Protein backbone atom coordinates (compact mmCIF):
# COMPACT_ATOMS: atom_id res chain seq x y z
CA MET A 1 -2.40 -70.16 1.67
CA PHE A 2 -1.33 -66.54 1.29
CA GLU A 3 -0.46 -63.56 3.48
CA GLY A 4 0.60 -60.18 2.14
CA PRO A 5 4.13 -59.09 3.07
CA ASP A 6 2.89 -55.98 4.89
CA LEU A 7 0.17 -57.77 6.87
CA GLU A 8 0.51 -57.22 10.60
CA THR A 9 -0.32 -60.23 12.75
CA GLY A 10 -0.76 -60.28 16.49
CA ALA A 11 -0.59 -63.04 19.05
CA LEU A 12 -3.84 -64.79 19.93
CA PRO A 13 -4.76 -66.97 22.90
CA ALA A 14 -3.57 -70.52 22.21
CA GLN A 15 -6.96 -72.00 21.26
CA LEU A 16 -7.73 -69.16 18.87
CA ALA A 17 -4.27 -69.30 17.28
CA GLU A 18 -4.66 -73.04 16.69
CA LEU A 19 -8.11 -72.69 15.13
CA TYR A 20 -7.08 -69.71 12.99
CA ASP A 21 -3.73 -71.30 12.14
CA GLY A 22 -1.76 -68.23 13.09
CA GLY A 23 -2.07 -64.75 14.51
CA LEU A 24 -4.46 -61.92 13.73
CA SER A 25 -4.39 -58.20 14.33
CA ILE A 26 -7.12 -55.63 13.73
CA ARG A 27 -5.90 -52.04 13.69
CA GLU A 28 -7.32 -49.91 16.48
CA GLY A 29 -9.85 -47.40 15.19
CA SER A 30 -10.58 -49.34 12.00
CA VAL A 31 -13.90 -50.29 10.46
CA TYR A 32 -14.03 -53.81 9.08
CA ALA A 33 -16.77 -55.93 7.56
CA ASN A 34 -17.52 -59.63 7.59
CA PHE A 35 -19.74 -61.46 5.10
CA VAL A 36 -20.21 -64.93 3.67
CA SER A 37 -20.93 -65.21 -0.04
CA SER A 38 -21.89 -67.95 -2.47
CA ILE A 39 -19.60 -68.66 -5.42
CA ASP A 40 -21.89 -66.52 -7.59
CA GLY A 41 -21.63 -63.55 -5.21
CA ILE A 42 -24.91 -63.79 -3.28
CA VAL A 43 -24.93 -62.77 0.39
CA ALA A 44 -28.66 -62.17 1.04
CA LEU A 45 -31.55 -64.45 0.10
CA GLU A 46 -35.31 -63.89 -0.25
CA GLY A 47 -35.00 -60.13 -0.52
CA GLY A 48 -32.85 -59.99 2.60
CA THR A 49 -35.51 -61.57 4.83
CA ALA A 50 -33.86 -65.00 5.27
CA PRO A 51 -31.09 -65.85 7.77
CA SER A 52 -28.80 -65.89 4.76
CA GLY A 53 -25.38 -66.26 6.36
CA GLY A 54 -26.14 -69.62 7.91
CA ILE A 55 -27.90 -70.88 4.80
CA ILE A 56 -25.12 -69.85 2.42
CA SER A 57 -22.28 -71.07 4.64
CA GLY A 58 -24.09 -74.29 5.53
CA ARG A 59 -23.50 -73.29 9.16
CA ASN A 60 -19.87 -74.10 8.55
CA GLU A 61 -17.98 -74.27 11.84
CA SER A 62 -14.87 -72.54 10.51
CA ASP A 63 -16.96 -69.65 9.23
CA ARG A 64 -18.72 -69.40 12.59
CA PHE A 65 -15.34 -69.39 14.34
CA VAL A 66 -14.07 -66.52 12.17
CA MET A 67 -17.28 -64.58 12.88
CA GLY A 68 -16.68 -65.02 16.60
CA LEU A 69 -13.03 -64.07 16.33
CA LEU A 70 -13.79 -60.87 14.43
CA ARG A 71 -16.48 -59.95 16.94
CA ALA A 72 -13.99 -60.47 19.75
CA PHE A 73 -11.81 -57.64 18.38
CA ALA A 74 -14.63 -55.09 18.10
CA ASP A 75 -15.83 -52.33 20.39
CA ALA A 76 -19.18 -52.48 18.59
CA VAL A 77 -20.95 -54.59 15.98
CA LEU A 78 -22.91 -52.41 13.55
CA VAL A 79 -25.89 -53.87 11.66
CA GLY A 80 -28.98 -52.67 9.86
CA ALA A 81 -32.44 -53.48 11.16
CA GLY A 82 -33.07 -55.80 8.21
CA THR A 83 -30.20 -58.01 9.36
CA VAL A 84 -31.74 -58.25 12.82
CA ARG A 85 -35.19 -59.07 11.41
CA ALA A 86 -33.76 -61.74 9.11
CA GLU A 87 -32.34 -63.67 12.07
CA GLY A 88 -35.85 -64.22 13.40
CA GLY A 89 -35.30 -62.98 16.93
CA ARG A 90 -32.95 -65.71 18.12
CA ALA A 91 -29.47 -64.35 17.47
CA LEU A 92 -26.99 -62.50 19.64
CA TRP A 93 -24.09 -60.59 18.06
CA THR A 94 -21.45 -61.80 20.50
CA PRO A 95 -18.36 -63.99 19.98
CA GLU A 96 -19.49 -66.75 22.31
CA TYR A 97 -22.99 -66.97 20.82
CA ILE A 98 -21.74 -67.81 17.34
CA PHE A 99 -18.90 -70.11 18.48
CA PRO A 100 -19.42 -71.18 22.10
CA ALA A 101 -16.56 -73.69 22.09
CA ALA A 102 -14.05 -70.80 22.26
CA ALA A 103 -15.94 -68.62 24.76
CA ASN A 104 -13.13 -68.56 27.32
CA ALA A 105 -10.49 -67.78 24.71
CA PHE A 106 -12.62 -64.97 23.25
CA ARG A 107 -12.97 -63.57 26.77
CA ALA A 108 -9.21 -63.70 27.27
CA LEU A 109 -8.62 -61.90 23.99
CA ARG A 110 -11.04 -59.12 24.90
CA GLU A 111 -9.37 -58.73 28.28
CA ALA A 112 -5.97 -58.45 26.60
CA LEU A 113 -7.39 -55.80 24.25
CA LYS A 114 -8.98 -53.99 27.21
CA ARG A 115 -12.42 -54.36 25.67
CA ASP A 116 -15.72 -54.61 27.52
CA ALA A 117 -17.01 -58.12 28.20
CA THR A 118 -19.00 -58.14 24.94
CA PRO A 119 -19.10 -55.82 21.92
CA ARG A 120 -21.97 -53.34 21.85
CA LEU A 121 -24.64 -54.22 19.31
CA VAL A 122 -25.59 -51.09 17.35
CA ILE A 123 -28.66 -51.28 15.13
CA VAL A 124 -29.45 -48.66 12.49
CA THR A 125 -33.12 -48.21 11.58
CA ALA A 126 -34.86 -45.26 9.98
CA ARG A 127 -38.37 -46.71 10.16
CA GLY A 128 -38.05 -48.38 13.54
CA GLU A 129 -39.25 -51.81 12.41
CA LEU A 130 -37.91 -53.94 15.27
CA ASN A 131 -39.50 -56.70 17.33
CA PRO A 132 -39.27 -55.96 21.09
CA ALA A 133 -39.19 -59.71 21.79
CA ASP A 134 -35.94 -60.21 19.87
CA ARG A 135 -33.31 -61.78 22.07
CA ALA A 136 -30.68 -59.21 21.14
CA LEU A 137 -32.94 -56.34 22.20
CA GLN A 138 -33.82 -58.09 25.44
CA ALA A 139 -30.09 -58.43 26.15
CA GLY A 140 -29.45 -54.77 25.36
CA ALA A 141 -28.43 -52.84 22.28
CA LEU A 142 -28.06 -49.29 21.01
CA VAL A 143 -30.66 -48.38 18.38
CA LEU A 144 -29.82 -45.40 16.18
CA THR A 145 -32.92 -44.02 14.53
CA THR A 146 -34.81 -40.96 13.37
CA THR A 147 -36.62 -38.46 15.54
CA ALA A 148 -39.94 -39.62 14.05
CA ALA A 149 -39.38 -43.25 15.10
CA ALA A 150 -37.59 -42.70 18.40
CA GLU A 151 -40.55 -42.00 20.70
CA ARG A 152 -42.46 -45.07 19.54
CA LEU A 153 -39.38 -47.27 19.90
CA ARG A 154 -38.61 -46.01 23.41
CA SER A 155 -42.06 -47.02 24.59
CA ALA A 156 -41.94 -50.41 22.83
CA LEU A 157 -38.41 -51.75 23.25
CA PRO A 158 -37.00 -53.35 26.43
CA LYS A 159 -35.37 -51.05 28.98
CA ALA A 160 -32.05 -52.80 28.37
CA THR A 161 -31.95 -51.25 24.88
CA GLU A 162 -31.12 -47.58 24.39
CA VAL A 163 -32.90 -45.68 21.63
CA ARG A 164 -31.12 -42.61 20.28
CA ALA A 165 -32.48 -40.23 17.64
CA ILE A 166 -29.62 -39.07 15.42
CA SER A 167 -31.51 -37.69 12.41
CA ASP A 168 -34.43 -35.31 11.96
CA ALA A 169 -34.83 -36.49 8.36
CA GLU A 170 -36.45 -39.66 7.04
CA ARG A 171 -33.07 -41.27 6.48
CA ILE A 172 -29.90 -41.56 8.55
CA GLY A 173 -26.56 -40.22 7.39
CA VAL A 174 -23.41 -42.33 7.68
CA ASP A 175 -21.65 -39.42 9.38
CA ASP A 176 -24.42 -39.34 11.99
CA ILE A 177 -23.86 -43.02 12.72
CA PHE A 178 -20.15 -42.60 13.29
CA GLN A 179 -20.57 -39.50 15.40
CA ALA A 180 -22.81 -41.53 17.70
CA LEU A 181 -20.31 -44.40 17.83
CA GLN A 182 -17.42 -42.07 18.61
CA ALA A 183 -19.45 -40.27 21.28
CA ASP A 184 -19.73 -43.59 23.12
CA GLY A 185 -16.04 -44.34 22.72
CA HIS A 186 -16.51 -47.05 20.10
CA ARG A 187 -13.54 -46.84 17.76
CA THR A 188 -12.95 -50.32 16.36
CA ILE A 189 -16.13 -51.25 14.51
CA LEU A 190 -17.21 -54.51 12.89
CA THR A 191 -20.13 -54.34 10.47
CA GLU A 192 -22.02 -57.48 9.45
CA GLY A 193 -24.43 -55.89 7.02
CA GLY A 194 -26.66 -56.04 5.38
CA PRO A 195 -25.73 -55.26 1.80
CA GLN A 196 -27.53 -51.88 1.77
CA LEU A 197 -25.78 -50.59 4.88
CA PHE A 198 -22.45 -51.99 3.71
CA GLY A 199 -22.83 -50.34 0.31
CA ARG A 200 -23.42 -46.94 1.89
CA LEU A 201 -20.47 -47.37 4.23
CA VAL A 202 -18.22 -48.22 1.30
CA ALA A 203 -19.58 -45.32 -0.78
CA SER A 204 -18.74 -43.01 2.10
CA GLY A 205 -15.18 -44.34 2.35
CA ARG A 206 -15.72 -45.72 5.83
CA VAL A 207 -14.71 -49.38 5.46
CA ASP A 208 -11.03 -50.20 5.90
CA GLU A 209 -11.09 -53.98 5.50
CA LEU A 210 -13.38 -56.76 4.34
CA PHE A 211 -13.31 -60.35 5.57
CA LEU A 212 -15.18 -62.47 3.04
CA THR A 213 -15.93 -66.18 3.31
CA VAL A 214 -16.66 -67.79 -0.05
CA SER A 215 -18.87 -70.83 0.46
CA PRO A 216 -18.85 -73.64 -2.16
CA VAL A 217 -22.49 -73.15 -3.18
CA VAL A 218 -24.28 -71.51 -6.09
CA ALA A 219 -27.31 -69.54 -4.89
CA GLY A 220 -28.71 -68.14 -8.15
CA GLN A 221 -30.88 -65.06 -8.39
CA LYS A 222 -34.07 -63.86 -10.01
CA GLY A 223 -35.19 -60.24 -9.88
CA ASP A 224 -34.62 -58.68 -6.47
CA ARG A 225 -34.94 -61.93 -4.54
CA SER A 226 -31.19 -62.21 -3.94
CA PHE A 227 -28.58 -59.54 -3.23
CA GLY A 228 -24.87 -59.33 -3.77
CA LEU A 229 -22.37 -57.89 -1.32
CA VAL A 230 -23.50 -54.35 -2.15
CA HIS A 231 -27.15 -53.50 -2.79
CA GLY A 232 -28.66 -50.13 -3.62
CA VAL A 233 -25.38 -48.44 -4.58
CA ASP A 234 -24.03 -48.46 -8.13
CA PHE A 235 -20.37 -47.56 -8.64
CA GLY A 236 -20.76 -47.76 -12.42
CA ARG A 237 -17.48 -47.52 -14.30
CA THR A 238 -15.49 -46.61 -11.17
CA PRO A 239 -15.63 -49.90 -9.23
CA GLN A 240 -14.21 -49.95 -5.73
CA ARG A 241 -10.75 -51.48 -5.75
CA SER A 242 -9.05 -53.41 -2.99
CA SER A 243 -5.86 -55.33 -2.23
CA LEU A 244 -5.75 -58.94 -1.07
CA LEU A 245 -4.21 -59.33 2.38
CA SER A 246 -4.67 -63.03 3.10
CA VAL A 247 -6.25 -66.27 1.95
CA ARG A 248 -7.13 -69.17 4.21
CA ARG A 249 -8.93 -72.39 3.37
CA HIS A 250 -10.87 -74.99 5.29
CA GLU A 251 -11.98 -77.84 3.07
CA SER A 252 -13.91 -76.08 0.25
CA HIS A 253 -14.53 -72.76 2.06
CA LEU A 254 -12.20 -69.85 1.30
CA PHE A 255 -11.52 -67.10 3.83
CA LEU A 256 -10.40 -63.90 2.13
CA ARG A 257 -9.22 -60.64 3.66
CA TYR A 258 -9.06 -57.42 1.65
CA ARG A 259 -7.91 -53.88 2.32
CA LEU A 260 -10.20 -51.35 0.68
CA ARG A 261 -8.32 -48.49 -0.92
CA ASP A 262 -9.76 -45.16 0.17
CA SER A 263 -7.65 -43.30 -2.39
CA VAL A 264 -9.71 -44.61 -5.32
CA PHE A 265 -13.13 -43.92 -3.83
CA PRO A 266 -15.20 -41.45 -5.86
CA PRO A 267 -17.40 -39.03 -3.95
CA ALA A 268 -20.66 -40.63 -2.83
CA ARG A 269 -23.52 -39.87 -5.20
CA ALA A 270 -26.63 -38.12 -3.99
CA GLY A 271 -28.45 -40.25 -1.44
CA GLU A 272 -25.72 -42.90 -1.18
CA GLY A 273 -24.54 -41.75 2.24
CA ARG A 274 -27.90 -42.08 3.92
CA VAL A 275 -29.46 -45.20 5.38
CA GLY A 276 -33.15 -45.96 5.36
CA ALA A 277 -33.43 -49.50 6.76
C-alpha cells in the first residue's frame, strides 16, 4: 500500500518474495522490534502472563509469516523472561517454528546472509524466574542475568543453555545487554518484547526500526491487566517520534514499518535504562 522513497529493499528467495509481495532488507548492525497490537494499542494481556501475540493476532498466518521472516534476518532474538514465561514453555524463537511452511526458504535466506542456522535466543532476566523444562531452554539459549541469580540458574537450567552474569546489581543495564551481544558477534538484533524491555530499549535510543502488526480486534483494558507497546516508561510531553517506512495489508490486518528517530530521543530518566524482568 505504501513504501517510503528512501526505503531499501533486498531480494528474497522466491517463496518469501511472493508471500511478502516484494523484497525486504534489514540493515546490518541494526536493532529492530516486532509486535502485534490490537486497534486500541494493547500488546500484552493479563498483566503480560498470557501468550498475547497469538491471541491478539488470532494466530493470523500472515502475521506469523512476517514474524518468521524478521527472525530469519537476525543474528539474535532478544526477549525478556516474562515473554518466555507467557508462552507456557512450548515456543521456539526460530523462523521455521512460527511459520514452518517456509522453512527451506528461511534457511536459504540465512545462508545468503551468512547467518548461523538459527538466530540465537537471548533472554534477559534479573530475578532468574525461568522454567528449566521450557522447550526453548532445552534447545539452547543465552540467559543474561545478575550475579545473584546466575549460580542458581546454572545448576537448574539445561546444559544446552548458557547462563552469563552481566550485572552485580539487582537490575540489568541496557548497555550491559548490548556489550554481551557484541562480545558474541551478534550485531543484527530482533527484539520481540515484552513491553517493559522494549520501553527501556527505546528510552536508551537502541531501537532503529519497529515492525508493528495492527490486528482488527479491540482488547480493552482495566487497571494493569493489559499493556500497551511500552510499559513502565513514561515519555511525558516528549513522545518518541518515528517515520513511516511501509504499509502492507492482508485482509483486515495492517503491517506497518517505522524508523525511530534517534535525534529526538531525550536522555533516559533515572532507572529507565535498567531491566528487572
